[in-house]
C-alpha atoms as a PDB file:
ATOM      1  CA  MET A   1     -15.161 -15.934   9.608  1.00  0.00           C
ATOM      2  CA  THR A   2     -13.770 -13.314  11.932  1.00  0.00           C
ATOM      3  CA  THR A   3     -13.167  -9.784  11.691  1.00  0.00           C
ATOM      4  CA  PRO A   4      -9.688  -8.048  11.682  1.00  0.00           C
ATOM      5  CA  SER A   5     -10.600  -6.623  15.168  1.00  0.00           C
ATOM      6  CA  THR A   6     -11.308  -9.932  16.545  1.00  0.00           C
ATOM      7  CA  ALA A   7      -8.551 -12.163  14.926  1.00  0.00           C
ATOM      8  CA  SER A   8      -5.288 -12.737  16.473  1.00  0.00           C
ATOM      9  CA  THR A   9      -3.721 -11.442  12.908  1.00  0.00           C
ATOM     10  CA  ALA A  10      -5.185 -10.244   9.994  1.00  0.00           C
ATOM     11  CA  ASN A  11      -4.108  -8.904   6.618  1.00  0.00           C
ATOM     12  CA  PHE A  12      -3.734  -5.260   5.755  1.00  0.00           C
ATOM     13  CA  MET A  13      -2.493  -3.505   2.799  1.00  0.00           C
ATOM     14  CA  LEU A  14      -0.516  -0.112   2.894  1.00  0.00           C
ATOM     15  CA  LEU A  15      -0.585   1.634  -0.217  1.00  0.00           C
ATOM     16  CA  PHE A  16       2.124   4.382  -1.015  1.00  0.00           C
ATOM     17  CA  ARG A  17       0.599   7.269  -2.704  1.00  0.00           C
ATOM     18  CA  ASN A  18       2.197  10.445  -4.165  1.00  0.00           C
ATOM     19  CA  ALA A  19       5.212   8.074  -5.003  1.00  0.00           C
ATOM     20  CA  GLY A  20       5.834   9.198  -8.474  1.00  0.00           C
ATOM     21  CA  PRO A  21       9.138  10.755  -9.788  1.00  0.00           C
ATOM     22  CA  ALA A  22       8.180  14.241  -8.819  1.00  0.00           C
ATOM     23  CA  ALA A  23       8.069  13.459  -5.258  1.00  0.00           C
ATOM     24  CA  HIS A  24      11.683  12.521  -5.465  1.00  0.00           C
ATOM     25  CA  ALA A  25      12.772  15.138  -7.782  1.00  0.00           C
ATOM     26  CA  HIS A  26      14.235  17.511  -5.318  1.00  0.00           C
ATOM     27  CA  LEU A  27      16.496  14.828  -3.641  1.00  0.00           C
ATOM     28  CA  THR A  28      20.089  14.556  -4.318  1.00  0.00           C
ATOM     29  CA  ALA A  29      21.736  11.164  -5.429  1.00  0.00           C
ATOM     30  CA  GLU A  30      23.053  10.871  -1.903  1.00  0.00           C
ATOM     31  CA  GLU A  31      19.527  11.707  -0.067  1.00  0.00           C
ATOM     32  CA  ARG A  32      18.004   9.089  -2.509  1.00  0.00           C
ATOM     33  CA  ALA A  33      20.439   6.512  -1.446  1.00  0.00           C
ATOM     34  CA  GLN A  34      19.616   7.267   2.057  1.00  0.00           C
ATOM     35  CA  LEU A  35      15.835   7.083   1.716  1.00  0.00           C
ATOM     36  CA  THR A  36      16.273   3.780  -0.102  1.00  0.00           C
ATOM     37  CA  GLN A  37      18.328   2.444   2.867  1.00  0.00           C
ATOM     38  CA  ARG A  38      15.683   3.586   5.372  1.00  0.00           C
ATOM     39  CA  TRP A  39      12.935   1.883   3.122  1.00  0.00           C
ATOM     40  CA  ASN A  40      15.075  -1.381   3.189  1.00  0.00           C
ATOM     41  CA  ASP A  41      15.829  -1.034   6.903  1.00  0.00           C
ATOM     42  CA  TRP A  42      12.125  -0.578   7.708  1.00  0.00           C
ATOM     43  CA  TYR A  43      10.911  -3.367   5.489  1.00  0.00           C
ATOM     44  CA  ASP A  44      13.575  -5.865   6.912  1.00  0.00           C
ATOM     45  CA  SER A  45      12.671  -4.726  10.448  1.00  0.00           C
ATOM     46  CA  LEU A  46       8.948  -5.549   9.963  1.00  0.00           C
ATOM     47  CA  ALA A  47       9.791  -8.761   8.037  1.00  0.00           C
ATOM     48  CA  THR A  48      12.185  -9.883  11.058  1.00  0.00           C
ATOM     49  CA  GLN A  49       9.158  -9.274  13.401  1.00  0.00           C
ATOM     50  CA  GLY A  50       6.856 -11.265  11.077  1.00  0.00           C
ATOM     51  CA  LYS A  51       4.544  -8.159  10.516  1.00  0.00           C
ATOM     52  CA  VAL A  52       5.046  -7.953   6.582  1.00  0.00           C
ATOM     53  CA  HIS A  53       5.085 -10.970   4.281  1.00  0.00           C
ATOM     54  CA  GLN A  54       5.175  -9.075   1.088  1.00  0.00           C
ATOM     55  CA  GLY A  55       5.912  -5.586  -0.402  1.00  0.00           C
ATOM     56  CA  ARG A  56       6.999  -4.437  -3.919  1.00  0.00           C
ATOM     57  CA  PRO A  57       7.443  -1.212  -5.727  1.00  0.00           C
ATOM     58  CA  LEU A  58       5.323  -0.671  -8.784  1.00  0.00           C
ATOM     59  CA  ALA A  59       7.099   0.131 -12.200  1.00  0.00           C
ATOM     60  CA  LEU A  60       6.398   3.459 -13.516  1.00  0.00           C
ATOM     61  CA  GLU A  61       4.488   2.196 -16.575  1.00  0.00           C
ATOM     62  CA  GLY A  62       1.103   0.308 -16.733  1.00  0.00           C
ATOM     63  CA  ARG A  63      -2.317   0.541 -18.499  1.00  0.00           C
ATOM     64  CA  VAL A  64      -5.571   1.554 -17.724  1.00  0.00           C
ATOM     65  CA  VAL A  65      -8.592  -0.609 -18.895  1.00  0.00           C
ATOM     66  CA  SER A  66     -11.891   0.835 -18.948  1.00  0.00           C
ATOM     67  CA  GLU A  67     -15.057  -0.382 -20.684  1.00  0.00           C
ATOM     68  CA  LYS A  68     -16.560   3.212 -20.656  1.00  0.00           C
ATOM     69  CA  ASN A  69     -14.481   4.243 -23.367  1.00  0.00           C
ATOM     70  CA  GLY A  70     -13.817   0.832 -24.648  1.00  0.00           C
ATOM     71  CA  ARG A  71     -10.086   1.171 -24.960  1.00  0.00           C
ATOM     72  CA  ILE A  72      -7.017   0.404 -23.250  1.00  0.00           C
ATOM     73  CA  ILE A  73      -4.685   3.355 -22.443  1.00  0.00           C
ATOM     74  CA  ASP A  74      -0.909   3.359 -21.663  1.00  0.00           C
ATOM     75  CA  GLY A  75      -0.374   4.895 -18.357  1.00  0.00           C
ATOM     76  CA  PRO A  76      -1.044   4.812 -15.367  1.00  0.00           C
ATOM     77  CA  TYR A  77      -2.683   8.272 -15.636  1.00  0.00           C
ATOM     78  CA  ALA A  78      -3.317   9.126 -12.117  1.00  0.00           C
ATOM     79  CA  GLU A  79      -2.675  12.795 -10.796  1.00  0.00           C
ATOM     80  CA  SER A  80       0.817  12.767  -9.092  1.00  0.00           C
ATOM     81  CA  LYS A  81      -0.920  12.873  -5.655  1.00  0.00           C
ATOM     82  CA  GLU A  82      -2.858   9.741  -6.466  1.00  0.00           C
ATOM     83  CA  ALA A  83      -0.312   7.638  -7.980  1.00  0.00           C
ATOM     84  CA  ILE A  84       0.546   4.492  -5.970  1.00  0.00           C
ATOM     85  CA  GLY A  85       4.307   3.669  -6.229  1.00  0.00           C
ATOM     86  CA  GLY A  86       3.953   0.495  -4.092  1.00  0.00           C
ATOM     87  CA  TYR A  87       2.550  -1.670  -1.444  1.00  0.00           C
ATOM     88  CA  PHE A  88       3.229  -3.749   1.806  1.00  0.00           C
ATOM     89  CA  ILE A  89       0.798  -6.482   2.810  1.00  0.00           C
ATOM     90  CA  LEU A  90       1.052  -6.730   6.757  1.00  0.00           C
ATOM     91  CA  ASN A  91      -0.087  -9.540   9.033  1.00  0.00           C
ATOM     92  CA  VAL A  92      -0.965  -7.698  12.342  1.00  0.00           C
ATOM     93  CA  ALA A  93      -3.555  -7.691  14.897  1.00  0.00           C
ATOM     94  CA  THR A  94      -5.424  -4.548  14.303  1.00  0.00           C
ATOM     95  CA  LEU A  95      -6.045  -1.602  11.979  1.00  0.00           C
ATOM     96  CA  ALA A  96      -4.367   0.546  14.835  1.00  0.00           C
ATOM     97  CA  GLU A  97      -1.363  -1.536  14.678  1.00  0.00           C
ATOM     98  CA  ALA A  98      -1.272  -1.341  10.910  1.00  0.00           C
ATOM     99  CA  THR A  99      -1.597   2.486  11.024  1.00  0.00           C
ATOM    100  CA  GLU A 100       1.232   2.627  13.807  1.00  0.00           C
ATOM    101  CA  ILE A 101       3.349   1.049  11.407  1.00  0.00           C
ATOM    102  CA  ALA A 102       2.302   3.170   8.384  1.00  0.00           C
ATOM    103  CA  LYS A 103       3.209   6.223  10.578  1.00  0.00           C
ATOM    104  CA  GLN A 104       6.910   4.989  10.563  1.00  0.00           C
ATOM    105  CA  CYS A 105       7.041   5.481   6.682  1.00  0.00           C
ATOM    106  CA  PRO A 106      10.285   6.753   5.536  1.00  0.00           C
ATOM    107  CA  GLY A 107       8.482   8.440   2.621  1.00  0.00           C
ATOM    108  CA  LEU A 108       6.153  10.641   4.834  1.00  0.00           C
ATOM    109  CA  PRO A 109       8.693  13.569   5.268  1.00  0.00           C
ATOM    110  CA  ILE A 110       8.950  13.976   1.532  1.00  0.00           C
ATOM    111  CA  GLY A 111       4.955  14.084   0.987  1.00  0.00           C
ATOM    112  CA  LEU A 112       4.248  10.280   0.468  1.00  0.00           C
ATOM    113  CA  GLU A 113       1.052   9.467   2.010  1.00  0.00           C
ATOM    114  CA  VAL A 114       0.154   5.831   3.364  1.00  0.00           C
ATOM    115  CA  GLU A 115      -3.198   4.504   2.698  1.00  0.00           C
ATOM    116  CA  VAL A 116      -4.001   1.589   5.250  1.00  0.00           C
ATOM    117  CA  ARG A 117      -6.811  -0.884   4.126  1.00  0.00           C
ATOM    118  CA  PRO A 118      -7.704  -4.395   5.527  1.00  0.00           C
ATOM    119  CA  LEU A 119      -8.086  -7.015   2.832  1.00  0.00           C
ATOM    120  CA  ALA A 120     -11.319  -8.815   2.453  1.00  0.00           C
ATOM    121  CA  ASP A 121     -12.112 -12.450   1.396  1.00  0.00           C
ATOM    122  CA  VAL A 122     -14.832 -11.205  -1.131  1.00  0.00           C
ATOM    123  CA  SER A 123     -15.810  -7.975  -2.448  1.00  0.00           C
ATOM    124  CA  PRO A 124     -17.581  -6.133   0.457  1.00  0.00           C
ATOM    125  CA  VAL A 125     -20.222  -5.204  -2.283  1.00  0.00           C
ATOM    126  CA  LEU A 126     -20.934  -8.716  -3.546  1.00  0.00           C
ATOM    127  CA  SER A 127     -20.818 -10.004   0.097  1.00  0.00           C
ATOM    128  CA  GLU A 128     -23.876  -7.835   0.678  1.00  0.00           C
ATOM    129  CA  VAL A 129     -25.696  -9.449  -2.168  1.00  0.00           C
ATOM    130  CA  ARG A 130     -24.741 -12.783  -1.154  1.00  0.00           C
ATOM    131  CA  GLY A 131     -25.286 -12.294   2.698  1.00  0.00           C
ATOM    132  CA  ARG A 132     -21.762 -12.997   3.663  1.00  0.00           C
ATOM    133  CA  PRO A 133     -19.191 -11.032   5.725  1.00  0.00           C
ATOM    134  CA  ALA A 134     -16.647  -9.610   3.442  1.00  0.00           C
ATOM    135  CA  VAL A 135     -13.611  -9.666   5.956  1.00  0.00           C
ATOM    136  CA  SER A 136     -12.112 -12.489   7.759  1.00  0.00           C
END
């Protein structure tokens, strides 16, 4: 197995945070339409370059499952700044390249944050127990 820094390409996930309804409430209908077009153009450009192979917005509803309280809660109930509104899965060479792509996100000017994470083949915590590398 290889790491993202030595592989010719690796998978990285962009998580779009602070993407709940409040982040867009101040926009007019026309501004929302323009922002949607910028998102679509950005995604299509990355897809044409072969740098993104999946991406989806997340629905507003969901559930939180926790054994701590032994119950399932309708939600999600994250704070607005923590709400994840969608994701892209990138196929690029390095974390630096994934970060440069994240810096082009059309939602950044309205307060959205993009978390850039390499995808692992196995849980990094479990890989330590098993003695196997987590990232390939």
